[in-house]
């Protein structure tokens, strides 16, 4: 993938994060791309749906529906935040070989584990995404802590 494509697909993930925020949820979005084609987008819907597992990445996987294993092995997961342990596990389970994240300044997930398992991890270090998360965490620390499994 080119940097231009990464920016294009990340823009879709950021759009989902902003939709999630407008719905009253955690502003984390994702996009699943296979062979350079957008397959699905998702956003953190834990608040909106009262879900324990609907993070951006897992929602994108759900929105994509059932795909053959070979499709996941040609995919890139775009996410506005470093993937948590749950989303890291889903990426590994389906054999997604590439993850592009918007930032990891506000939260560092399973990046090292992904790399240790052969996944290419790209950090765009976007100030836009940092600002979005910083503002949300400051305004809703209780929701954020719940989202990452902390008290």
Protein backbone atom coordinates (compact mmCIF):
# COMPACT_ATOMS: atom_id res chain seq x y z
CA UNK A 1 0.00 0.00 0.00
CA UNK A 2 1.10 3.52 -0.65
CA UNK A 3 1.10 6.38 1.84
CA UNK A 4 -1.64 7.97 -0.27
CA UNK A 5 -3.83 4.86 0.05
CA UNK A 6 -3.10 4.66 3.77
CA UNK A 7 -4.28 8.26 4.18
CA UNK A 8 -7.40 7.62 2.11
CA UNK A 9 -8.45 4.56 4.11
CA UNK A 10 -7.49 6.12 7.44
CA UNK A 11 -9.77 9.04 6.56
CA UNK A 12 -12.64 6.53 6.48
CA UNK A 13 -11.68 5.24 9.92
CA UNK A 14 -11.48 8.80 11.29
CA UNK A 15 -14.90 9.52 9.81
CA UNK A 16 -16.25 6.53 11.75
CA UNK A 17 -14.59 7.77 14.96
CA UNK A 18 -16.31 11.14 14.55
CA UNK A 19 -19.68 9.46 13.89
CA UNK A 20 -19.20 7.40 17.04
CA UNK A 21 -18.43 10.52 19.06
CA UNK A 22 -21.55 12.24 17.70
CA UNK A 23 -23.58 9.20 18.79
CA UNK A 24 -22.22 9.54 22.35
CA UNK A 25 -19.65 6.77 22.01
CA UNK A 26 -15.89 6.38 22.21
CA UNK A 27 -14.31 8.03 19.12
CA UNK A 28 -12.43 5.09 17.67
CA UNK A 29 -12.98 4.02 14.08
CA UNK A 30 -11.66 1.33 11.80
CA UNK A 31 -11.65 0.24 8.19
CA UNK A 32 -10.96 -3.20 6.76
CA UNK A 33 -9.34 -3.19 3.32
CA UNK A 34 -8.68 -6.25 1.16
CA UNK A 35 -6.61 -6.02 -2.01
CA UNK A 36 -6.82 -2.22 -1.90
CA UNK A 37 -10.63 -2.23 -1.73
CA UNK A 38 -12.63 -1.02 1.24
CA UNK A 39 -14.61 -4.00 2.56
CA UNK A 40 -16.10 -2.52 5.74
CA UNK A 41 -15.89 0.29 8.23
CA UNK A 42 -16.65 0.16 11.93
CA UNK A 43 -16.62 2.23 15.06
CA UNK A 44 -16.58 1.68 18.77
CA UNK A 45 -20.25 1.03 19.63
CA UNK A 46 -19.91 -0.15 23.22
CA UNK A 47 -21.95 2.74 24.60
CA UNK A 48 -24.45 2.91 21.75
CA UNK A 49 -25.24 -0.83 21.80
CA UNK A 50 -24.44 -1.67 25.42
CA UNK A 51 -21.83 -4.07 24.06
CA UNK A 52 -18.82 -5.51 25.82
CA UNK A 53 -16.90 -6.18 22.58
CA UNK A 54 -17.80 -3.65 19.90
CA UNK A 55 -14.52 -1.82 19.50
CA UNK A 56 -13.72 -0.17 16.18
CA UNK A 57 -11.79 -3.13 14.82
CA UNK A 58 -14.24 -5.80 15.98
CA UNK A 59 -17.13 -3.75 14.60
CA UNK A 60 -15.40 -3.49 11.21
CA UNK A 61 -14.94 -7.27 11.21
CA UNK A 62 -18.62 -7.71 12.09
CA UNK A 63 -19.69 -5.27 9.36
CA UNK A 64 -17.57 -7.19 6.82
CA UNK A 65 -19.47 -10.38 7.54
CA UNK A 66 -18.06 -13.80 6.91
CA UNK A 67 -15.05 -13.74 4.62
CA UNK A 68 -12.82 -16.60 3.51
CA UNK A 69 -9.56 -16.93 5.42
CA UNK A 70 -7.66 -16.04 2.25
CA UNK A 71 -9.29 -12.58 2.19
CA UNK A 72 -8.12 -11.73 5.71
CA UNK A 73 -4.59 -12.78 4.76
CA UNK A 74 -4.59 -10.05 2.09
CA UNK A 75 -6.11 -7.39 4.34
CA UNK A 76 -5.06 -4.27 6.16
CA UNK A 77 -6.85 -3.12 9.29
CA UNK A 78 -6.91 0.66 9.67
CA UNK A 79 -7.66 1.89 13.17
CA UNK A 80 -7.61 5.31 14.76
CA UNK A 81 -5.94 3.97 17.92
CA UNK A 82 -3.39 1.31 18.82
CA UNK A 83 -5.31 -1.99 18.99
CA UNK A 84 -6.16 -3.24 22.48
CA UNK A 85 -5.49 -6.85 23.47
CA UNK A 86 -8.95 -7.98 22.31
CA UNK A 87 -8.58 -6.37 18.89
CA UNK A 88 -4.99 -7.59 18.65
CA UNK A 89 -6.30 -11.11 19.21
CA UNK A 90 -8.92 -10.72 16.48
CA UNK A 91 -6.27 -9.43 14.04
CA UNK A 92 -4.09 -12.44 14.82
CA UNK A 93 -6.98 -14.92 14.75
CA UNK A 94 -7.91 -13.93 11.22
CA UNK A 95 -4.32 -13.62 10.03
CA UNK A 96 -4.51 -9.97 9.03
CA UNK A 97 -0.90 -9.19 8.05
CA UNK A 98 -0.93 -5.39 8.26
CA UNK A 99 -2.27 -2.83 10.73
CA UNK A 100 -2.15 0.91 10.19
CA UNK A 101 -2.97 3.01 13.24
CA UNK A 102 -3.60 6.70 13.54
CA UNK A 103 -1.78 7.07 16.85
CA UNK A 104 -0.54 5.42 20.03
CA UNK A 105 0.18 8.43 22.24
CA UNK A 106 -3.10 8.15 24.17
CA UNK A 107 -3.05 4.34 24.41
CA UNK A 108 -0.52 1.64 23.54
CA UNK A 109 -2.07 -1.73 22.83
CA UNK A 110 -0.66 -4.98 21.49
CA UNK A 111 1.66 -3.51 18.89
CA UNK A 112 4.76 -5.35 20.08
CA UNK A 113 2.87 -8.64 20.19
CA UNK A 114 1.54 -8.07 16.68
CA UNK A 115 5.07 -7.40 15.44
CA UNK A 116 6.39 -10.48 17.24
CA UNK A 117 3.82 -12.52 15.31
CA UNK A 118 4.91 -11.09 11.95
CA UNK A 119 2.29 -8.39 11.51
CA UNK A 120 3.44 -5.16 9.88
CA UNK A 121 2.42 -2.28 12.16
CA UNK A 122 2.43 1.28 10.82
CA UNK A 123 1.89 4.28 13.10
CA UNK A 124 0.84 7.46 11.29
CA UNK A 125 1.18 9.44 14.57
CA UNK A 126 -1.68 11.78 13.64
CA UNK A 127 -2.14 14.89 15.77
CA UNK A 128 -5.81 14.94 14.69
CA UNK A 129 -6.44 11.54 16.28
CA UNK A 130 -4.47 12.43 19.42
CA UNK A 131 -6.58 15.57 19.87
CA UNK A 132 -9.79 13.61 19.34
CA UNK A 133 -8.88 11.02 21.99
CA UNK A 134 -7.38 13.51 24.46
CA UNK A 135 -10.59 15.58 24.39
CA UNK A 136 -12.78 12.49 24.83
CA UNK A 137 -10.69 11.04 27.68
CA UNK A 138 -10.72 14.40 29.50
CA UNK A 139 -14.50 14.72 29.12
CA UNK A 140 -15.43 11.07 29.79
CA UNK A 141 -12.72 9.33 31.83
CA UNK A 142 -15.18 6.79 33.25
CA UNK A 143 -16.30 5.63 29.80
CA UNK A 144 -12.70 5.48 28.59
CA UNK A 145 -11.56 3.45 31.59
CA UNK A 146 -14.44 1.03 31.09
CA UNK A 147 -13.49 0.69 27.42
CA UNK A 148 -9.93 -0.35 28.22
CA UNK A 149 -10.89 -2.56 31.17
CA UNK A 150 -9.75 -0.31 34.00
CA UNK A 151 -11.55 1.06 37.05
